[in-house]
Amino acid sequence: MQITFSAAALPKTGAIVIPIFEDGGKPKAYEELDKATDGALERAVKTSAFKAKKGKILEIAAPAGVGASRIVLIGAGPSKGFDRLAAEALGGAAAGHLLKGRDKSATFALNGLTVKKLANDEFAARIATGAKMKSYRFDKYRTKEDKDDKPVLAKITVQTSASKAKELFAVYDAVNDGVFLTRDLVSEPANILYPESFAKRCQELSKLGVKVKVLGEAEMKKLGMGSLLGVGQGSVRETKLVAMEWTGGKKGEAPVAFVGKGVTFDTGGISLKPAPNMDEMKWDMGGAGAVTGAMAAIAGRKAKANVIGVVALVENMPDGAAQRPGDVVTSMSGQTIEVLNTDAEGRLALADALWWAQETYKPKAVIDLATLTGAIIIALAHEFAGCFTTDDKLAKQLDAAGETSGDKIWRMPLTKAHDEMIKSDIADMQNIGGKGGGSSSAAAFLGRFIQDGVSWAHLDIAGMAWNPKDNATCPKGASGFGVRLLDEYVRVNWEN
């Protein structure tokens, strides 16, 4: 999707989108087009009782007196409280409607439309951002799609006199690129995206100036990563550990590290999952996908910060060589783990990745992301990611980043009682903690691999990596959750 900005007059072809607020705010184009069409807009509004409710659309097709193929009036809701996320949702809702039509181009008419909370350039850039986010499609494997079902909209122009809108959008679009990368990775089937091919996708970030390091099984065995390697024992795919380094900050300054769970397919191993919906386990690498997309976003906009992304890439399969329930493995940290359930594998993979990231890069802060537990979906549905941390300052920083970016999180309990749940009779810990508080005991397990003095948070994104239905800025499918959250967190807290 091509996005452009122009202060020129409205075009004579294509669709024209006119946002309208409930309290009467309209762009200048509304009156101009109503006059040119001999009052067609006003008649349509009165006839349909259009109240400009948020996301509501009224279309005037083939209007007489103008060359536009259609005029699309879209409700923006009340102007009070209208913010950047509302602007993105507006742009996305309009784009979603346009993509169902046959216009190859469309123009958002914004001249003369202002809101209190947003400068005109920010308003225009956020409208464009939302439209771009909604335009995402993953259709590379469709060979016989009906011609009429495939969108033809290729260009959106935002008509605005705001001179900095294009500059702002360039930054936001770099983040969009990261979101789209994550959506691509999460959408890929497991026969295409497996540890080795995922690692190659990470290596492509070198084009953005990211230094990429890939560890294979031989290297990990020397490092004593028995926890991560144990997960992949039953797979013919070799386990990989990938580090992505962006050094945009001060030389020698300790970085922030993001660590992602990258189980490219999760059968549950010997603790085999039920067959229904097992296909969805292709996106059990959503945490690693988010970290990779965030690194692309951060590098793409050339963030002035030092950031490390580490992803543990592994496939969890049943096989004669697979890890068994009851096995004991030794992690890189030297701590031993009794594996009571091979389907609680994500925490095993993250254990060694977390430790290695700290040993190698000495970060000030570590944030891990993982589609870790079904329990978090029971608690928070598909509305929030669970945030687990004992660091109040970090919790507030992440919460603020979530509110700004739209990647919402909710702080969950993490106490000594949850740590007690993972005590083992024969090892330092066990990998499950019982039926109650499963998300918190999983977080407590990860906390065992955080070194003293390191600020850490765990984000359980199991309910957020995959979008079960369309929303304003994301089609049904991979959401790209986490990219905007991490980027905003870096922008506010780590940039020099």
Protein backbone atom coordinates (compact mmCIF):
# COMPACT_ATOMS: atom_id res chain seq x y z
CA MET A 1 0.00 0.00 0.00
CA GLN A 2 1.46 3.36 -1.07
CA ILE A 3 0.76 6.26 1.29
CA THR A 4 1.29 9.85 0.17
CA PHE A 5 0.53 13.29 1.59
CA SER A 6 -0.62 16.31 -0.39
CA ALA A 7 -1.95 19.81 0.19
CA ALA A 8 -3.39 19.91 -3.31
CA ALA A 9 -7.07 19.96 -4.17
CA LEU A 10 -9.10 16.77 -4.08
CA PRO A 11 -8.57 14.46 -7.07
CA LYS A 12 -11.18 13.98 -9.77
CA THR A 13 -11.04 10.17 -9.60
CA GLY A 14 -11.11 7.44 -6.97
CA ALA A 15 -12.81 7.44 -3.59
CA ILE A 16 -12.89 10.39 -1.20
CA VAL A 17 -13.06 9.76 2.54
CA ILE A 18 -14.51 12.45 4.81
CA PRO A 19 -14.27 11.99 8.60
CA ILE A 20 -17.06 13.60 10.63
CA PHE A 21 -17.27 14.06 14.39
CA GLU A 22 -20.48 13.56 16.33
CA ASP A 23 -20.36 17.16 17.54
CA GLY A 24 -20.27 18.48 13.98
CA GLY A 25 -16.56 18.75 13.13
CA LYS A 26 -16.05 18.27 9.39
CA PRO A 27 -13.27 18.98 6.89
CA LYS A 28 -13.72 21.77 4.36
CA ALA A 29 -14.25 19.20 1.65
CA TYR A 30 -17.64 18.29 3.07
CA GLU A 31 -19.23 21.64 2.22
CA GLU A 32 -17.37 21.83 -1.09
CA LEU A 33 -18.55 18.41 -2.21
CA ASP A 34 -22.06 18.92 -0.91
CA LYS A 35 -22.32 22.06 -3.00
CA ALA A 36 -20.79 20.38 -6.04
CA THR A 37 -23.25 17.47 -5.77
CA ASP A 38 -26.25 19.74 -5.31
CA GLY A 39 -26.73 18.78 -1.66
CA ALA A 40 -26.33 15.00 -2.09
CA LEU A 41 -24.26 14.65 1.10
CA GLU A 42 -26.72 16.47 3.33
CA ARG A 43 -29.66 14.56 1.86
CA ALA A 44 -27.88 11.23 2.43
CA VAL A 45 -27.05 12.15 6.03
CA LYS A 46 -30.64 13.18 6.82
CA THR A 47 -32.25 10.26 5.01
CA SER A 48 -30.09 7.66 6.76
CA ALA A 49 -30.05 9.46 10.14
CA PHE A 50 -26.25 9.28 10.06
CA LYS A 51 -25.00 10.41 13.50
CA ALA A 52 -21.23 10.05 12.91
CA LYS A 53 -20.90 7.33 15.53
CA LYS A 54 -17.39 5.90 15.77
CA GLY A 55 -16.61 3.71 12.75
CA LYS A 56 -20.06 4.08 11.15
CA ILE A 57 -19.96 4.57 7.40
CA LEU A 58 -22.27 6.23 4.91
CA GLU A 59 -21.40 5.96 1.23
CA ILE A 60 -22.58 8.06 -1.69
CA ALA A 61 -21.79 6.11 -4.84
CA ALA A 62 -21.14 7.74 -8.22
CA PRO A 63 -22.15 11.22 -7.00
CA ALA A 64 -23.30 13.61 -9.73
CA GLY A 65 -21.28 16.77 -10.22
CA VAL A 66 -17.86 15.36 -9.24
CA GLY A 67 -15.47 12.88 -10.79
CA ALA A 68 -15.00 10.77 -7.64
CA SER A 69 -16.31 7.23 -7.85
CA ARG A 70 -17.75 7.48 -4.36
CA ILE A 71 -17.72 9.68 -1.28
CA VAL A 72 -17.30 7.82 1.99
CA LEU A 73 -18.46 9.57 5.15
CA ILE A 74 -17.01 7.92 8.25
CA GLY A 75 -17.98 8.65 11.82
CA ALA A 76 -15.16 9.68 14.12
CA GLY A 77 -17.26 9.66 17.28
CA PRO A 78 -16.99 12.49 19.82
CA SER A 79 -14.08 14.89 19.37
CA LYS A 80 -13.56 15.02 23.13
CA GLY A 81 -10.87 12.52 24.06
CA PHE A 82 -10.04 11.78 20.42
CA ASP A 83 -6.37 10.75 20.50
CA ARG A 84 -3.68 9.10 18.38
CA LEU A 85 -5.11 5.61 18.79
CA ALA A 86 -8.57 6.88 17.84
CA ALA A 87 -7.04 8.46 14.73
CA GLU A 88 -5.39 5.18 13.80
CA ALA A 89 -8.65 3.31 14.35
CA LEU A 90 -10.43 5.82 12.13
CA GLY A 91 -7.88 5.40 9.35
CA GLY A 92 -8.01 1.64 9.68
CA ALA A 93 -11.82 1.45 9.66
CA ALA A 94 -11.97 3.56 6.52
CA ALA A 95 -9.25 1.49 4.83
CA GLY A 96 -11.06 -1.71 5.74
CA HIS A 97 -14.16 -0.41 3.94
CA LEU A 98 -12.19 0.81 0.92
CA LEU A 99 -10.41 -2.52 0.52
CA LYS A 100 -13.76 -4.20 -0.13
CA GLY A 101 -14.40 -1.93 -3.13
CA ARG A 102 -12.86 -1.70 -6.58
CA ASP A 103 -11.16 1.68 -6.35
CA LYS A 104 -7.42 1.65 -6.92
CA SER A 105 -6.92 4.97 -5.14
CA ALA A 106 -8.52 6.92 -2.33
CA THR A 107 -8.03 10.29 -0.66
CA PHE A 108 -8.64 11.22 2.97
CA ALA A 109 -9.86 14.83 3.06
CA LEU A 110 -8.52 16.35 6.31
CA ASN A 111 -8.01 20.03 5.50
CA GLY A 112 -9.85 22.18 8.02
CA LEU A 113 -10.51 19.31 10.43
CA THR A 114 -8.80 19.71 13.81
CA VAL A 115 -8.91 17.99 17.19
CA LYS A 116 -7.76 19.28 20.56
CA LYS A 117 -5.46 16.42 21.58
CA LEU A 118 -3.59 16.10 18.27
CA ALA A 119 -1.60 18.53 16.19
CA ASN A 120 -2.67 18.49 12.54
CA ASP A 121 0.51 16.74 11.39
CA GLU A 122 0.13 14.04 14.05
CA PHE A 123 -3.54 13.60 13.17
CA ALA A 124 -2.75 13.08 9.50
CA ALA A 125 0.19 10.75 10.17
CA ARG A 126 -1.87 8.59 12.55
CA ILE A 127 -4.75 8.34 10.07
CA ALA A 128 -2.24 7.09 7.50
CA THR A 129 -0.67 4.69 9.99
CA GLY A 130 -4.00 3.09 10.81
CA ALA A 131 -4.86 2.72 7.13
CA LYS A 132 -1.51 1.06 6.44
CA MET A 133 -1.87 -1.33 9.38
CA LYS A 134 -5.30 -2.44 8.17
CA SER A 135 -4.03 -3.05 4.63
CA TYR A 136 -2.00 -6.11 5.71
CA ARG A 137 -2.81 -9.41 3.99
CA PHE A 138 -1.13 -12.80 4.17
CA ASP A 139 -2.13 -14.42 0.89
CA LYS A 140 1.13 -15.76 -0.53
CA TYR A 141 -0.19 -19.32 -0.67
CA ARG A 142 -3.46 -18.54 -2.45
CA THR A 143 -3.26 -19.58 -6.09
CA LYS A 144 -6.95 -19.53 -7.09
CA GLU A 145 -8.40 -16.55 -5.29
CA ASP A 146 -11.44 -15.07 -7.00
CA LYS A 147 -10.44 -11.86 -8.78
CA ASP A 148 -13.29 -9.94 -7.16
CA ASP A 149 -12.19 -11.02 -3.67
CA LYS A 150 -8.69 -9.59 -3.98
CA PRO A 151 -8.36 -5.92 -2.98
CA VAL A 152 -7.23 -3.55 -5.71
CA LEU A 153 -6.70 -0.45 -3.58
CA ALA A 154 -3.05 0.44 -4.08
CA LYS A 155 -2.69 4.09 -3.09
CA ILE A 156 -4.02 6.31 -0.34
CA THR A 157 -3.42 10.04 -0.32
CA VAL A 158 -3.92 12.08 2.82
CA GLN A 159 -4.97 15.61 1.91
CA THR A 160 -3.56 17.89 4.58
CA SER A 161 -1.76 21.19 4.90
CA ALA A 162 0.32 19.79 7.79
CA SER A 163 3.91 20.02 6.58
CA LYS A 164 5.44 17.51 9.02
CA ALA A 165 2.93 14.71 8.50
CA LYS A 166 5.09 12.92 5.92
CA GLU A 167 8.14 13.07 8.19
CA LEU A 168 6.21 11.70 11.16
CA PHE A 169 4.65 8.94 9.09
CA ALA A 170 8.08 7.78 7.92
CA VAL A 171 8.94 6.98 11.55
CA TYR A 172 5.60 5.29 12.23
CA ASP A 173 5.88 3.33 8.99
CA ALA A 174 9.22 1.87 10.08
CA VAL A 175 7.35 0.50 13.08
CA ASN A 176 4.60 -0.72 10.75
CA ASP A 177 7.28 -2.65 8.87
CA GLY A 178 8.22 -4.35 12.12
CA VAL A 179 4.57 -5.19 12.83
CA PHE A 180 4.15 -6.62 9.33
CA LEU A 181 7.30 -8.72 9.72
CA THR A 182 5.92 -10.18 12.94
CA ARG A 183 2.56 -10.85 11.29
CA ASP A 184 4.36 -12.62 8.44
CA LEU A 185 6.41 -14.79 10.79
CA VAL A 186 3.43 -15.75 12.95
CA SER A 187 1.30 -16.52 9.88
CA GLU A 188 3.80 -18.86 8.24
CA PRO A 189 3.07 -22.60 8.42
CA ALA A 190 5.53 -24.70 10.39
CA ASN A 191 6.80 -26.58 7.34
CA ILE A 192 8.04 -23.23 6.02
CA LEU A 193 9.08 -21.50 9.23
CA TYR A 194 11.19 -23.73 11.46
CA PRO A 195 14.26 -22.90 13.56
CA GLU A 196 16.75 -22.76 10.69
CA SER A 197 14.54 -20.80 8.29
CA PHE A 198 13.45 -18.46 11.12
CA ALA A 199 17.11 -17.78 11.88
CA LYS A 200 17.65 -16.88 8.22
CA ARG A 201 14.77 -14.41 8.41
CA CYS A 202 16.48 -12.83 11.41
CA GLN A 203 19.73 -12.55 9.45
CA GLU A 204 17.93 -10.41 6.87
CA LEU A 205 17.85 -7.63 9.49
CA SER A 206 21.54 -7.08 8.78
CA LYS A 207 20.30 -4.91 5.89
CA LEU A 208 19.03 -2.48 8.54
CA GLY A 209 22.34 -2.43 10.41
CA VAL A 210 21.48 -5.15 12.92
CA LYS A 211 24.32 -7.50 13.84
CA VAL A 212 23.00 -11.07 13.90
CA LYS A 213 24.59 -14.04 15.64
CA VAL A 214 23.29 -17.62 15.28
CA LEU A 215 24.17 -20.47 17.63
CA GLY A 216 23.65 -24.09 16.62
CA GLU A 217 23.20 -27.16 18.78
CA ALA A 218 26.93 -27.95 19.05
CA GLU A 219 27.63 -24.48 20.43
CA MET A 220 24.68 -24.63 22.81
CA LYS A 221 25.76 -28.04 24.09
CA LYS A 222 29.19 -26.61 24.96
CA LEU A 223 27.45 -23.83 26.86
CA GLY A 224 25.43 -26.36 28.85
CA MET A 225 21.99 -25.39 27.51
CA GLY A 226 20.33 -28.64 28.49
CA SER A 227 16.98 -26.97 29.14
CA LEU A 228 16.57 -25.51 25.64
CA LEU A 229 18.12 -28.48 23.83
CA GLY A 230 15.88 -30.92 25.69
CA VAL A 231 12.79 -29.36 24.10
CA GLY A 232 14.04 -30.09 20.58
CA GLN A 233 15.25 -33.65 21.15
CA GLY A 234 12.29 -35.17 19.32
CA SER A 235 12.53 -32.99 16.21
CA VAL A 236 14.57 -33.49 13.06
CA ARG A 237 14.88 -29.69 12.94
CA GLU A 238 18.00 -28.34 14.61
CA THR A 239 17.42 -25.95 17.51
CA LYS A 240 18.84 -22.43 17.05
CA LEU A 241 19.52 -19.47 19.32
CA VAL A 242 19.67 -16.10 17.59
CA ALA A 243 20.91 -12.77 18.92
CA MET A 244 20.14 -9.49 17.13
CA GLU A 245 22.19 -6.48 18.21
CA TRP A 246 21.30 -2.84 17.55
CA THR A 247 23.85 -0.34 18.84
CA GLY A 248 22.29 3.06 18.24
CA GLY A 249 23.06 4.42 21.70
CA LYS A 250 26.22 5.43 23.52
CA LYS A 251 29.21 3.20 22.97
CA GLY A 252 29.68 0.79 25.84
CA GLU A 253 26.34 1.60 27.48
CA ALA A 254 24.56 -1.46 28.84
CA PRO A 255 21.63 -2.45 26.61
CA VAL A 256 18.06 -3.47 27.21
CA ALA A 257 17.40 -7.07 26.15
CA PHE A 258 14.25 -8.58 24.70
CA VAL A 259 13.98 -12.38 24.77
CA GLY A 260 11.35 -14.31 22.81
CA LYS A 261 9.97 -17.82 22.92
CA GLY A 262 10.24 -19.30 19.44
CA VAL A 263 8.60 -22.72 19.48
CA THR A 264 7.96 -22.93 15.74
CA PHE A 265 5.53 -25.78 16.26
CA ASP A 266 4.30 -27.25 19.52
CA THR A 267 2.72 -30.70 19.52
CA GLY A 268 3.19 -30.87 23.28
CA GLY A 269 5.87 -33.52 22.78
CA ILE A 270 5.26 -36.78 24.63
CA SER A 271 2.59 -34.90 26.64
CA LEU A 272 0.73 -34.68 23.35
CA LYS A 273 -1.88 -31.99 22.81
CA PRO A 274 -5.42 -32.88 21.68
CA ALA A 275 -5.80 -32.91 17.89
CA PRO A 276 -8.48 -30.16 17.58
CA ASN A 277 -6.89 -26.76 16.91
CA MET A 278 -3.34 -28.12 17.11
CA ASP A 279 -2.74 -26.34 13.79
CA GLU A 280 -2.80 -23.08 15.74
CA MET A 281 0.45 -24.09 17.42
CA LYS A 282 2.33 -22.75 14.41
CA TRP A 283 2.12 -19.42 16.21
CA ASP A 284 3.67 -20.65 19.44
CA MET A 285 6.68 -18.65 18.26
CA GLY A 286 4.75 -15.39 18.70
CA GLY A 287 7.14 -14.08 21.34
CA ALA A 288 10.15 -14.58 19.08
CA GLY A 289 8.16 -13.06 16.22
CA ALA A 290 7.44 -9.97 18.33
CA VAL A 291 11.08 -9.59 19.35
CA THR A 292 12.25 -9.92 15.72
CA GLY A 293 9.69 -7.39 14.52
CA ALA A 294 10.60 -5.00 17.33
CA MET A 295 14.27 -5.18 16.35
CA ALA A 296 13.29 -4.39 12.76
CA ALA A 297 11.21 -1.41 13.93
CA ILE A 298 13.91 -0.09 16.24
CA ALA A 299 16.62 -0.41 13.60
CA GLY A 300 14.31 0.83 10.84
CA ARG A 301 13.74 4.14 12.59
CA LYS A 302 17.37 4.22 13.79
CA ALA A 303 16.59 4.41 17.48
CA LYS A 304 19.27 6.04 19.62
CA ALA A 305 19.52 3.14 22.04
CA ASN A 306 21.40 -0.11 22.52
CA VAL A 307 18.97 -3.01 22.19
CA ILE A 308 19.47 -6.76 22.08
CA GLY A 309 16.92 -9.25 20.78
CA VAL A 310 17.40 -12.92 21.62
CA VAL A 311 15.11 -15.66 20.29
CA ALA A 312 15.14 -19.34 21.25
CA LEU A 313 14.01 -21.30 18.17
CA VAL A 314 12.93 -24.90 18.64
CA GLU A 315 10.34 -27.42 17.52
CA ASN A 316 8.59 -29.60 20.11
CA MET A 317 7.82 -33.00 18.57
CA PRO A 318 7.12 -36.55 19.83
CA ASP A 319 9.72 -39.10 18.79
CA GLY A 320 11.74 -41.99 20.14
CA ALA A 321 14.41 -39.48 21.11
CA ALA A 322 11.96 -36.96 22.60
CA GLN A 323 12.16 -35.70 26.15
CA ARG A 324 10.00 -37.72 28.56
CA PRO A 325 7.87 -36.60 31.49
CA GLY A 326 10.01 -37.19 34.56
CA ASP A 327 13.33 -36.37 32.88
CA VAL A 328 15.76 -34.06 34.67
CA VAL A 329 17.76 -31.54 32.63
CA THR A 330 20.52 -29.15 33.61
CA SER A 331 20.20 -25.57 32.44
CA MET A 332 23.05 -23.26 31.45
CA SER A 333 22.70 -21.60 34.85
CA GLY A 334 23.58 -24.92 36.50
CA GLN A 335 20.11 -25.28 38.00
CA THR A 336 18.35 -28.59 37.45
CA ILE A 337 14.77 -28.96 36.24
CA GLU A 338 12.40 -31.89 36.60
CA VAL A 339 10.27 -31.98 33.45
CA LEU A 340 6.84 -33.13 34.61
CA ASN A 341 5.04 -32.04 31.45
CA THR A 342 6.75 -31.75 28.06
CA ASP A 343 3.98 -29.39 26.94
CA ALA A 344 5.29 -26.77 29.37
CA GLU A 345 8.24 -26.36 27.02
CA GLY A 346 8.32 -22.61 26.38
CA ARG A 347 9.69 -21.86 29.83
CA LEU A 348 12.39 -24.50 29.30
CA ALA A 349 13.47 -22.79 26.10
CA LEU A 350 13.42 -19.35 27.66
CA ALA A 351 15.39 -20.44 30.73
CA ASP A 352 18.63 -20.87 28.80
CA ALA A 353 17.95 -17.95 26.45
CA LEU A 354 17.43 -15.60 29.41
CA TRP A 355 20.58 -16.77 31.14
CA TRP A 356 22.70 -16.59 27.99
CA ALA A 357 21.44 -13.06 27.20
CA GLN A 358 22.46 -11.86 30.66
CA GLU A 359 25.83 -13.61 30.63
CA THR A 360 26.66 -12.34 27.14
CA TYR A 361 25.35 -8.77 27.12
CA LYS A 362 25.04 -7.72 30.79
CA PRO A 363 21.76 -5.85 30.15
CA LYS A 364 20.25 -3.37 32.59
CA ALA A 365 16.80 -4.71 31.93
CA VAL A 366 15.32 -7.86 30.38
CA ILE A 367 11.82 -8.29 29.01
CA ASP A 368 10.71 -11.67 27.72
CA LEU A 369 7.66 -12.32 25.56
CA ALA A 370 6.03 -15.69 25.15
CA THR A 371 2.80 -17.39 24.17
CA LEU A 372 3.33 -19.23 27.42
CA THR A 373 0.06 -20.32 29.04
CA GLY A 374 -3.55 -20.96 28.17
CA ALA A 375 -4.34 -19.82 31.70
CA ILE A 376 -3.62 -16.21 30.77
CA ILE A 377 -6.39 -16.34 28.14
CA ILE A 378 -8.82 -17.60 30.79
CA ALA A 379 -7.85 -14.62 32.96
CA LEU A 380 -7.54 -11.83 30.40
CA ALA A 381 -9.23 -13.16 27.23
CA HIS A 382 -7.87 -11.56 24.06
CA GLU A 383 -7.83 -8.06 25.56
CA PHE A 384 -4.53 -7.86 27.46
CA ALA A 385 -1.16 -9.53 27.72
CA GLY A 386 -0.24 -10.55 31.23
CA CYS A 387 2.66 -8.63 32.76
CA PHE A 388 4.62 -10.30 35.55
CA THR A 389 7.33 -8.42 37.41
CA THR A 390 8.41 -7.50 40.92
CA ASP A 391 9.83 -4.19 39.65
CA ASP A 392 7.18 -1.49 40.15
CA LYS A 393 9.05 1.06 38.05
CA LEU A 394 9.35 -1.30 35.10
CA ALA A 395 5.69 -2.26 35.44
CA LYS A 396 4.69 1.41 35.19
CA GLN A 397 6.95 1.97 32.19
CA LEU A 398 5.49 -0.98 30.32
CA ASP A 399 1.94 -0.04 31.24
CA ALA A 400 2.49 3.48 29.91
CA ALA A 401 4.00 2.07 26.71
CA GLY A 402 0.99 -0.18 26.32
CA GLU A 403 -1.49 2.67 26.75
CA THR A 404 0.33 4.79 24.16
CA SER A 405 0.96 2.04 21.62
CA GLY A 406 -2.35 0.23 21.96
CA ASP A 407 -0.62 -3.05 22.88
CA LYS A 408 -2.39 -3.33 26.20
CA ILE A 409 -0.98 -5.20 29.21
CA TRP A 410 -2.35 -6.04 32.66
CA ARG A 411 -0.13 -6.59 35.67
CA MET A 412 -0.58 -10.00 37.27
CA PRO A 413 0.59 -11.32 40.66
CA LEU A 414 4.05 -12.77 41.11
CA THR A 415 4.88 -13.67 44.72
CA LYS A 416 6.93 -16.07 46.81
CA ALA A 417 3.88 -18.33 47.00
CA HIS A 418 4.03 -18.83 43.23
CA ASP A 419 7.71 -19.67 43.47
CA GLU A 420 6.88 -22.30 46.10
CA MET A 421 4.60 -24.02 43.58
CA ILE A 422 7.52 -25.13 41.40
CA LYS A 423 9.55 -26.89 44.08
CA SER A 424 10.64 -30.36 43.00
CA ASP A 425 11.22 -33.45 45.11
CA ILE A 426 14.33 -34.45 43.15
CA ALA A 427 15.65 -31.34 41.38
CA ASP A 428 16.05 -27.61 41.93
CA MET A 429 12.62 -27.01 40.41
CA GLN A 430 9.88 -28.58 38.32
CA ASN A 431 8.48 -27.10 35.14
CA ILE A 432 4.82 -26.94 36.19
CA GLY A 433 3.19 -25.71 39.36
CA GLY A 434 -0.23 -27.32 39.48
CA LYS A 435 -3.70 -26.34 38.30
CA GLY A 436 -4.09 -23.03 40.11
CA GLY A 437 -2.24 -19.86 39.13
CA GLY A 438 -0.58 -21.47 36.12
CA SER A 439 0.50 -18.21 34.51
CA SER A 440 2.04 -16.90 37.73
CA SER A 441 3.90 -20.13 38.55
CA ALA A 442 5.23 -20.14 34.96
CA ALA A 443 6.48 -16.60 35.49
CA ALA A 444 8.03 -17.65 38.80
CA PHE A 445 9.90 -20.40 36.94
CA LEU A 446 11.38 -17.83 34.55
CA GLY A 447 12.29 -15.62 37.50
CA ARG A 448 14.68 -18.35 38.68
CA PHE A 449 16.86 -17.49 35.67
CA ILE A 450 17.11 -13.75 36.27
CA GLN A 451 20.36 -12.62 37.85
CA ASP A 452 20.58 -10.33 40.87
CA GLY A 453 20.26 -6.66 40.07
CA VAL A 454 18.65 -7.15 36.65
CA SER A 455 15.29 -5.48 36.12
CA TRP A 456 12.97 -8.04 34.51
CA ALA A 457 9.43 -8.47 33.28
CA HIS A 458 7.68 -11.40 31.65
CA LEU A 459 4.88 -10.76 29.16
CA ASP A 460 2.55 -13.68 28.51
CA ILE A 461 1.08 -12.88 25.09
CA ALA A 462 -0.78 -16.16 24.49
CA GLY A 463 -4.09 -14.33 24.06
CA MET A 464 -2.68 -11.52 21.93
CA ALA A 465 -0.39 -12.97 19.26
CA TRP A 466 -3.32 -14.12 17.13
CA ASN A 467 -6.34 -11.92 16.42
CA PRO A 468 -9.51 -14.09 16.49
CA LYS A 469 -11.53 -11.52 14.53
CA ASP A 470 -11.09 -8.33 12.52
CA ASN A 471 -10.56 -5.08 14.34
CA ALA A 472 -10.01 -1.52 13.16
CA THR A 473 -6.30 -1.82 12.43
CA CYS A 474 -5.74 -5.55 12.09
CA PRO A 475 -7.40 -8.24 9.97
CA LYS A 476 -8.20 -11.59 11.53
CA GLY A 477 -4.97 -13.54 12.04
CA ALA A 478 -1.51 -12.64 13.28
CA SER A 479 -1.67 -9.37 15.20
CA GLY A 480 1.95 -8.27 15.47
CA PHE A 481 1.34 -7.65 19.17
CA GLY A 482 4.39 -6.55 21.13
CA VAL A 483 6.26 -4.67 18.40
CA ARG A 484 4.70 -1.27 19.09
CA LEU A 485 4.84 -1.90 22.84
CA LEU A 486 8.58 -2.61 22.86
CA ASP A 487 9.35 0.18 20.42
CA GLU A 488 7.45 2.72 22.56
CA TYR A 489 9.14 1.43 25.72
CA VAL A 490 12.56 1.94 24.11
CA ARG A 491 11.66 5.36 22.70
CA VAL A 492 10.54 6.76 26.04
CA ASN A 493 12.95 5.05 28.44
CA TRP A 494 16.15 4.22 26.59
CA GLU A 495 16.84 6.71 23.82
CA ASN A 496 19.62 9.18 24.42
